Amino acid sequence: MEEQLYYDLYQYLSNLIIPENYNKNQQDKIKQLAKNYTIQNNKLFRKNKNKLQRKPLTIKECYYWPKMYNDIKIYIESCDNCQRRGKTKRREELLPLKIGGLFDKIGIDIKEILSDRSTSFNNALINEIYNKYQTKHRLTSAYRPQTNGMVERFNRTIGDKVLVEQTHLRNNMSAKLENQWIGPYYIHNVLDQNVYKLRHMNGKLVKEVIHRNRLKIYIEQYLEPLILLE
């Protein structure tokens, strides 16, 4: 933005003053343009539904660095306070439960056993039992987390960090200013397609199970040192 235009917009928004040398078209233009700007802390900001647009406008007046907009976007998205107060972006689709025959699944699937490739479920004795009870046996690929205990435990150790929505605050007018999300927690285990077991940062398990509709990824803020080129 040109310096003169910046000054004219600032004067109009703060004092409703239009330069005397402006003709009718220029006056209408400055009035129309002023609808897209506002003054905060004695600085001119551009109005935009996307709040990310406000910061680069003022920062670019004094600074520049490569990928500047992306750095500002990451900084705002990883704001701890903002994440705790924001709303969830989407709801997961509710999936119907598929019901087969009676006693099809009790602990393990009696009609079909799914296992890894270890000898525990793949040897002569077990194969004889499969044939006797007409049970199918399917093998998964190696190191599949759901059927490999070691891999599964390893995946739990490196679980994502998430925040949990406090659903009881949704319709509580007196709690509108409170944090809508608490945490962060680690994902400890996936019990079902949409149900999770969590643990605190200190390793203690959370007693209740949480539906994925109440979860959102927690983005940690990491700030790299800014190097100014002389």
C-alpha atoms as a PDB file:
ATOM      1  CA  MET A   1       0.000   0.000   0.000  1.00  0.00           C
ATOM      2  CA  GLU A   2       1.256   3.467  -0.898  1.00  0.00           C
ATOM      3  CA  GLU A   3       2.200   5.708   2.007  1.00  0.00           C
ATOM      4  CA  GLN A   4      -0.205   8.474   0.955  1.00  0.00           C
ATOM      5  CA  LEU A   5      -3.146   6.080   0.648  1.00  0.00           C
ATOM      6  CA  TYR A   6      -2.310   4.592   4.050  1.00  0.00           C
ATOM      7  CA  TYR A   7      -2.323   8.080   5.582  1.00  0.00           C
ATOM      8  CA  ASP A   8      -5.604   9.073   3.880  1.00  0.00           C
ATOM      9  CA  LEU A   9      -7.378   5.911   5.039  1.00  0.00           C
ATOM     10  CA  TYR A  10      -6.075   6.375   8.564  1.00  0.00           C
ATOM     11  CA  GLN A  11      -7.304   9.990   8.671  1.00  0.00           C
ATOM     12  CA  TYR A  12     -10.727   9.073   7.335  1.00  0.00           C
ATOM     13  CA  LEU A  13     -11.256   6.156   9.735  1.00  0.00           C
ATOM     14  CA  SER A  14     -10.000   8.029  12.792  1.00  0.00           C
ATOM     15  CA  ASN A  15     -11.352  11.550  12.123  1.00  0.00           C
ATOM     16  CA  LEU A  16     -13.678  11.208   9.084  1.00  0.00           C
ATOM     17  CA  ILE A  17     -11.438  13.638   7.219  1.00  0.00           C
ATOM     18  CA  ILE A  18     -11.061  13.445   3.426  1.00  0.00           C
ATOM     19  CA  PRO A  19      -8.375  15.526   1.658  1.00  0.00           C
ATOM     20  CA  GLU A  20      -9.850  18.715   0.223  1.00  0.00           C
ATOM     21  CA  ASN A  21      -8.238  18.156  -3.178  1.00  0.00           C
ATOM     22  CA  TYR A  22     -10.188  14.907  -3.702  1.00  0.00           C
ATOM     23  CA  ASN A  23     -12.911  15.041  -6.357  1.00  0.00           C
ATOM     24  CA  LYS A  24     -16.272  13.277  -6.026  1.00  0.00           C
ATOM     25  CA  ASN A  25     -15.029   9.987  -7.480  1.00  0.00           C
ATOM     26  CA  GLN A  26     -11.949   9.951  -5.236  1.00  0.00           C
ATOM     27  CA  GLN A  27     -14.086  10.691  -2.179  1.00  0.00           C
ATOM     28  CA  ASP A  28     -16.438   7.815  -2.999  1.00  0.00           C
ATOM     29  CA  LYS A  29     -13.451   5.542  -3.592  1.00  0.00           C
ATOM     30  CA  ILE A  30     -11.828   6.307  -0.222  1.00  0.00           C
ATOM     31  CA  LYS A  31     -15.172   5.770   1.553  1.00  0.00           C
ATOM     32  CA  GLN A  32     -15.693   2.441  -0.185  1.00  0.00           C
ATOM     33  CA  LEU A  33     -12.117   1.349   0.463  1.00  0.00           C
ATOM     34  CA  ALA A  34     -12.372   2.291   4.139  1.00  0.00           C
ATOM     35  CA  LYS A  35     -15.069  -0.371   4.646  1.00  0.00           C
ATOM     36  CA  ASN A  36     -12.352  -3.009   4.320  1.00  0.00           C
ATOM     37  CA  TYR A  37     -10.068  -1.541   6.980  1.00  0.00           C
ATOM     38  CA  THR A  38     -10.094  -0.813  10.688  1.00  0.00           C
ATOM     39  CA  ILE A  39      -7.786   0.858  13.210  1.00  0.00           C
ATOM     40  CA  GLN A  40      -6.449  -1.028  16.218  1.00  0.00           C
ATOM     41  CA  ASN A  41      -3.676   0.175  18.519  1.00  0.00           C
ATOM     42  CA  ASN A  42      -3.071   3.133  16.205  1.00  0.00           C
ATOM     43  CA  LYS A  43      -2.370   0.835  13.250  1.00  0.00           C
ATOM     44  CA  LEU A  44      -4.325   0.152  10.086  1.00  0.00           C
ATOM     45  CA  PHE A  45      -5.632  -3.413   9.688  1.00  0.00           C
ATOM     46  CA  ARG A  46      -7.388  -4.983   6.740  1.00  0.00           C
ATOM     47  CA  LYS A  47     -10.692  -6.668   7.608  1.00  0.00           C
ATOM     48  CA  ASN A  48     -10.954 -10.265   6.492  1.00  0.00           C
ATOM     49  CA  LYS A  49     -12.954 -13.346   7.496  1.00  0.00           C
ATOM     50  CA  ASN A  50      -9.643 -15.155   7.480  1.00  0.00           C
ATOM     51  CA  LYS A  51      -7.989 -13.755  10.603  1.00  0.00           C
ATOM     52  CA  LEU A  52      -4.598 -14.901   9.354  1.00  0.00           C
ATOM     53  CA  GLN A  53      -4.649 -12.055   6.855  1.00  0.00           C
ATOM     54  CA  ARG A  54      -4.473  -9.334   9.514  1.00  0.00           C
ATOM     55  CA  LYS A  55      -1.001 -10.108  10.829  1.00  0.00           C
ATOM     56  CA  PRO A  56       1.020 -10.267   7.584  1.00  0.00           C
ATOM     57  CA  LEU A  57      -0.321  -6.852   6.538  1.00  0.00           C
ATOM     58  CA  THR A  58       1.230  -5.067   9.514  1.00  0.00           C
ATOM     59  CA  ILE A  59       4.345  -7.247   9.835  1.00  0.00           C
ATOM     60  CA  LYS A  60       5.266  -6.741   6.177  1.00  0.00           C
ATOM     61  CA  GLU A  61       5.504  -3.017   6.842  1.00  0.00           C
ATOM     62  CA  CYS A  62       8.679  -3.615   8.876  1.00  0.00           C
ATOM     63  CA  TYR A  63       9.950  -7.147   8.187  1.00  0.00           C
ATOM     64  CA  TYR A  64      10.373  -9.749   5.489  1.00  0.00           C
ATOM     65  CA  TRP A  65      11.757 -13.294   5.387  1.00  0.00           C
ATOM     66  CA  PRO A  66      11.251 -16.295   3.044  1.00  0.00           C
ATOM     67  CA  LYS A  67       7.973 -18.216   3.594  1.00  0.00           C
ATOM     68  CA  MET A  68       6.826 -15.427   5.892  1.00  0.00           C
ATOM     69  CA  TYR A  69       3.090 -16.107   5.492  1.00  0.00           C
ATOM     70  CA  ASN A  70       3.502 -19.843   6.165  1.00  0.00           C
ATOM     71  CA  ASP A  71       5.516 -19.155   9.353  1.00  0.00           C
ATOM     72  CA  ILE A  72       2.817 -16.780  10.622  1.00  0.00           C
ATOM     73  CA  LYS A  73       0.104 -19.323   9.782  1.00  0.00           C
ATOM     74  CA  ILE A  74       1.912 -22.070  11.747  1.00  0.00           C
ATOM     75  CA  TYR A  75       2.483 -19.712  14.684  1.00  0.00           C
ATOM     76  CA  ILE A  76      -1.229 -18.843  14.898  1.00  0.00           C
ATOM     77  CA  GLU A  77      -2.423 -22.452  14.431  1.00  0.00           C
ATOM     78  CA  SER A  78      -0.124 -23.659  17.233  1.00  0.00           C
ATOM     79  CA  CYS A  79      -1.313 -21.012  19.715  1.00  0.00           C
ATOM     80  CA  ASP A  80      -2.074 -22.985  22.903  1.00  0.00           C
ATOM     81  CA  ASN A  81      -4.788 -20.625  24.154  1.00  0.00           C
ATOM     82  CA  CYS A  82      -6.538 -20.512  20.757  1.00  0.00           C
ATOM     83  CA  GLN A  83      -6.629 -24.308  20.462  1.00  0.00           C
ATOM     84  CA  ARG A  84      -8.275 -24.636  23.865  1.00  0.00           C
ATOM     85  CA  ARG A  85     -11.039 -22.165  22.984  1.00  0.00           C
ATOM     86  CA  GLY A  86     -11.729 -23.069  19.351  1.00  0.00           C
ATOM     87  CA  LYS A  87     -14.552 -25.264  18.114  1.00  0.00           C
ATOM     88  CA  THR A  88     -14.181 -28.671  16.528  1.00  0.00           C
ATOM     89  CA  LYS A  89     -14.070 -28.495  12.731  1.00  0.00           C
ATOM     90  CA  ARG A  90     -16.034 -31.615  11.856  1.00  0.00           C
ATOM     91  CA  ARG A  91     -17.909 -34.578  13.252  1.00  0.00           C
ATOM     92  CA  GLU A  92     -17.049 -38.144  12.369  1.00  0.00           C
ATOM     93  CA  GLU A  93     -19.599 -40.242  10.532  1.00  0.00           C
ATOM     94  CA  LEU A  94     -21.586 -42.596  12.755  1.00  0.00           C
ATOM     95  CA  LEU A  95     -21.078 -46.178  11.609  1.00  0.00           C
ATOM     96  CA  PRO A  96     -23.778 -48.868  12.039  1.00  0.00           C
ATOM     97  CA  LEU A  97     -22.831 -52.023  13.920  1.00  0.00           C
ATOM     98  CA  LYS A  98     -22.822 -55.110  11.710  1.00  0.00           C
ATOM     99  CA  ILE A  99     -24.574 -57.988  13.463  1.00  0.00           C
ATOM    100  CA  GLY A 100     -23.912 -61.517  12.189  1.00  0.00           C
ATOM    101  CA  GLY A 101     -25.054 -64.838  13.582  1.00  0.00           C
ATOM    102  CA  LEU A 102     -25.283 -65.641  17.287  1.00  0.00           C
ATOM    103  CA  PHE A 103     -21.912 -66.161  18.997  1.00  0.00           C
ATOM    104  CA  ASP A 104     -19.971 -65.330  15.830  1.00  0.00           C
ATOM    105  CA  LYS A 105     -17.512 -63.261  17.810  1.00  0.00           C
ATOM    106  CA  ILE A 106     -16.584 -63.942  21.418  1.00  0.00           C
ATOM    107  CA  GLY A 107     -13.095 -62.696  22.223  1.00  0.00           C
ATOM    108  CA  ILE A 108     -11.794 -64.106  18.938  1.00  0.00           C
ATOM    109  CA  ASP A 109     -13.744 -64.917  15.802  1.00  0.00           C
ATOM    110  CA  ILE A 110     -14.803 -68.573  16.002  1.00  0.00           C
ATOM    111  CA  LYS A 111     -15.560 -68.789  12.293  1.00  0.00           C
ATOM    112  CA  GLU A 112     -12.356 -67.097  11.309  1.00  0.00           C
ATOM    113  CA  ILE A 113      -9.094 -66.426  13.160  1.00  0.00           C
ATOM    114  CA  LEU A 114      -6.876 -63.530  12.126  1.00  0.00           C
ATOM    115  CA  SER A 115      -3.299 -63.725  13.405  1.00  0.00           C
ATOM    116  CA  ASP A 116       0.261 -62.742  12.612  1.00  0.00           C
ATOM    117  CA  ARG A 117       2.754 -65.170  11.056  1.00  0.00           C
ATOM    118  CA  SER A 118       4.206 -66.591  14.257  1.00  0.00           C
ATOM    119  CA  THR A 119       4.015 -70.337  14.977  1.00  0.00           C
ATOM    120  CA  SER A 120       1.598 -69.816  17.877  1.00  0.00           C
ATOM    121  CA  PHE A 121      -1.397 -70.016  15.521  1.00  0.00           C
ATOM    122  CA  ASN A 122       0.292 -71.771  12.612  1.00  0.00           C
ATOM    123  CA  ASN A 123       1.444 -75.306  13.401  1.00  0.00           C
ATOM    124  CA  ALA A 124       0.305 -78.895  12.900  1.00  0.00           C
ATOM    125  CA  LEU A 125      -1.717 -79.120  16.146  1.00  0.00           C
ATOM    126  CA  ILE A 126      -3.540 -75.842  15.570  1.00  0.00           C
ATOM    127  CA  ASN A 127      -4.216 -76.723  11.927  1.00  0.00           C
ATOM    128  CA  GLU A 128      -5.829 -79.986  13.064  1.00  0.00           C
ATOM    129  CA  ILE A 129      -8.160 -78.012  15.358  1.00  0.00           C
ATOM    130  CA  TYR A 130      -9.008 -75.657  12.491  1.00  0.00           C
ATOM    131  CA  ASN A 131     -10.007 -78.620  10.316  1.00  0.00           C
ATOM    132  CA  LYS A 132     -12.033 -80.267  13.075  1.00  0.00           C
ATOM    133  CA  TYR A 133     -14.117 -77.174  13.806  1.00  0.00           C
ATOM    134  CA  GLN A 134     -14.092 -75.878  10.210  1.00  0.00           C
ATOM    135  CA  THR A 135     -12.419 -72.659  11.241  1.00  0.00           C
ATOM    136  CA  LYS A 136     -10.693 -70.482   8.671  1.00  0.00           C
ATOM    137  CA  HIS A 137      -7.263 -69.082   9.432  1.00  0.00           C
ATOM    138  CA  ARG A 138      -5.976 -65.926   7.806  1.00  0.00           C
ATOM    139  CA  LEU A 139      -2.506 -64.474   8.173  1.00  0.00           C
ATOM    140  CA  THR A 140      -1.762 -60.768   8.152  1.00  0.00           C
ATOM    141  CA  SER A 141       1.331 -59.060   6.844  1.00  0.00           C
ATOM    142  CA  ALA A 142       4.360 -58.974   9.119  1.00  0.00           C
ATOM    143  CA  TYR A 143       4.514 -56.230  11.763  1.00  0.00           C
ATOM    144  CA  ARG A 144       0.858 -55.277  11.383  1.00  0.00           C
ATOM    145  CA  PRO A 145       0.198 -53.318  14.628  1.00  0.00           C
ATOM    146  CA  GLN A 146      -3.256 -54.809  15.344  1.00  0.00           C
ATOM    147  CA  THR A 147      -1.894 -58.362  15.384  1.00  0.00           C
ATOM    148  CA  ASN A 148       1.659 -57.844  16.575  1.00  0.00           C
ATOM    149  CA  GLY A 149       1.921 -57.102  20.275  1.00  0.00           C
ATOM    150  CA  MET A 150       5.412 -55.607  20.160  1.00  0.00           C
ATOM    151  CA  VAL A 151       4.615 -53.264  17.278  1.00  0.00           C
ATOM    152  CA  GLU A 152       1.302 -52.309  18.882  1.00  0.00           C
ATOM    153  CA  ARG A 153       2.951 -51.404  22.179  1.00  0.00           C
ATOM    154  CA  PHE A 154       5.586 -49.406  20.304  1.00  0.00           C
ATOM    155  CA  ASN A 155       2.882 -47.444  18.441  1.00  0.00           C
ATOM    156  CA  ARG A 156       1.209 -46.601  21.730  1.00  0.00           C
ATOM    157  CA  THR A 157       4.433 -45.159  23.063  1.00  0.00           C
ATOM    158  CA  ILE A 158       4.690 -42.653  20.211  1.00  0.00           C
ATOM    159  CA  GLY A 159       0.966 -41.708  20.247  1.00  0.00           C
ATOM    160  CA  ASP A 160      -0.252 -38.359  18.996  1.00  0.00           C
ATOM    161  CA  LYS A 161      -1.007 -35.522  21.380  1.00  0.00           C
ATOM    162  CA  VAL A 162      -4.686 -34.540  21.473  1.00  0.00           C
ATOM    163  CA  LEU A 163      -7.070 -32.193  23.270  1.00  0.00           C
ATOM    164  CA  VAL A 164     -10.416 -33.388  24.688  1.00  0.00           C
ATOM    165  CA  GLU A 165     -13.573 -31.312  24.318  1.00  0.00           C
ATOM    166  CA  GLN A 166     -15.504 -30.540  27.508  1.00  0.00           C
ATOM    167  CA  THR A 167     -18.948 -31.267  26.069  1.00  0.00           C
ATOM    168  CA  HIS A 168     -20.753 -30.217  29.251  1.00  0.00           C
ATOM    169  CA  LEU A 169     -19.774 -26.603  28.513  1.00  0.00           C
ATOM    170  CA  ARG A 170     -21.496 -26.447  25.118  1.00  0.00           C
ATOM    171  CA  ASN A 171     -24.833 -25.128  26.375  1.00  0.00           C
ATOM    172  CA  ASN A 172     -23.579 -23.486  29.557  1.00  0.00           C
ATOM    173  CA  MET A 173     -23.744 -19.726  29.003  1.00  0.00           C
ATOM    174  CA  SER A 174     -21.794 -18.969  32.184  1.00  0.00           C
ATOM    175  CA  ALA A 175     -18.900 -21.109  30.926  1.00  0.00           C
ATOM    176  CA  LYS A 176     -18.544 -19.548  27.475  1.00  0.00           C
ATOM    177  CA  LEU A 177     -15.253 -17.892  28.419  1.00  0.00           C
ATOM    178  CA  GLU A 178     -13.739 -21.061  29.879  1.00  0.00           C
ATOM    179  CA  ASN A 179     -11.437 -23.336  27.901  1.00  0.00           C
ATOM    180  CA  GLN A 180     -13.554 -25.659  25.765  1.00  0.00           C
ATOM    181  CA  TRP A 181     -10.688 -28.151  25.405  1.00  0.00           C
ATOM    182  CA  ILE A 182      -8.443 -29.711  28.041  1.00  0.00           C
ATOM    183  CA  GLY A 183      -5.148 -31.528  27.727  1.00  0.00           C
ATOM    184  CA  PRO A 184      -2.989 -32.365  25.993  1.00  0.00           C
ATOM    185  CA  TYR A 185      -3.113 -36.150  26.352  1.00  0.00           C
ATOM    186  CA  TYR A 186      -1.379 -38.976  24.530  1.00  0.00           C
ATOM    187  CA  ILE A 187      -3.380 -41.515  22.511  1.00  0.00           C
ATOM    188  CA  HIS A 188      -2.649 -44.755  24.356  1.00  0.00           C
ATOM    189  CA  ASN A 189      -4.759 -47.262  22.451  1.00  0.00           C
ATOM    190  CA  VAL A 190      -7.429 -47.508  19.758  1.00  0.00           C
ATOM    191  CA  LEU A 191     -10.226 -49.665  21.161  1.00  0.00           C
ATOM    192  CA  ASP A 192     -12.510 -49.354  18.159  1.00  0.00           C
ATOM    193  CA  GLN A 193     -12.713 -47.383  14.936  1.00  0.00           C
ATOM    194  CA  ASN A 194     -13.961 -44.282  16.755  1.00  0.00           C
ATOM    195  CA  VAL A 195     -13.088 -44.936  20.418  1.00  0.00           C
ATOM    196  CA  TYR A 196      -9.754 -44.122  22.052  1.00  0.00           C
ATOM    197  CA  LYS A 197      -7.989 -44.767  25.332  1.00  0.00           C
ATOM    198  CA  LEU A 198      -5.836 -41.850  26.500  1.00  0.00           C
ATOM    199  CA  ARG A 199      -3.078 -41.288  29.011  1.00  0.00           C
ATOM    200  CA  HIS A 200      -1.872 -38.198  30.817  1.00  0.00           C
ATOM    201  CA  MET A 201       1.474 -36.613  30.052  1.00  0.00           C
ATOM    202  CA  ASN A 202       2.875 -38.304  33.172  1.00  0.00           C
ATOM    203  CA  GLY A 203       1.884 -41.739  31.828  1.00  0.00           C
ATOM    204  CA  LYS A 204      -1.217 -42.301  33.997  1.00  0.00           C
ATOM    205  CA  LEU A 205      -4.164 -43.744  32.072  1.00  0.00           C
ATOM    206  CA  VAL A 206      -7.427 -41.823  31.745  1.00  0.00           C
ATOM    207  CA  LYS A 207     -10.255 -43.953  33.174  1.00  0.00           C
ATOM    208  CA  GLU A 208     -12.958 -43.160  30.623  1.00  0.00           C
ATOM    209  CA  VAL A 209     -12.777 -43.965  26.919  1.00  0.00           C
ATOM    210  CA  ILE A 210     -13.178 -41.045  24.512  1.00  0.00           C
ATOM    211  CA  HIS A 211     -15.039 -40.918  21.196  1.00  0.00           C
ATOM    212  CA  ARG A 212     -13.056 -39.329  18.378  1.00  0.00           C
ATOM    213  CA  ASN A 213     -15.706 -36.591  17.990  1.00  0.00           C
ATOM    214  CA  ARG A 214     -14.387 -35.130  21.258  1.00  0.00           C
ATOM    215  CA  LEU A 215     -10.750 -35.170  20.130  1.00  0.00           C
ATOM    216  CA  LYS A 216      -8.599 -32.888  18.035  1.00  0.00           C
ATOM    217  CA  ILE A 217      -4.872 -32.910  17.339  1.00  0.00           C
ATOM    218  CA  TYR A 218      -2.800 -30.675  19.614  1.00  0.00           C
ATOM    219  CA  ILE A 219      -0.201 -28.687  17.691  1.00  0.00           C
ATOM    220  CA  GLU A 220       2.898 -27.869  19.688  1.00  0.00           C
ATOM    221  CA  GLN A 221       4.467 -24.486  19.110  1.00  0.00           C
ATOM    222  CA  TYR A 222       8.070 -24.549  18.016  1.00  0.00           C
ATOM    223  CA  LEU A 223       9.727 -21.228  17.297  1.00  0.00           C
ATOM    224  CA  GLU A 224      12.910 -21.147  15.266  1.00  0.00           C
ATOM    225  CA  PRO A 225      15.282 -18.252  15.932  1.00  0.00           C
ATOM    226  CA  LEU A 226      14.803 -15.421  13.463  1.00  0.00           C
ATOM    227  CA  ILE A 227      18.004 -14.405  11.695  1.00  0.00           C
ATOM    228  CA  LEU A 228      17.953 -10.826  10.438  1.00  0.00           C
ATOM    229  CA  LEU A 229      20.104 -10.135   7.404  1.00  0.00           C
ATOM    230  CA  GLU A 230      22.004  -6.901   7.542  1.00  0.00           C
END
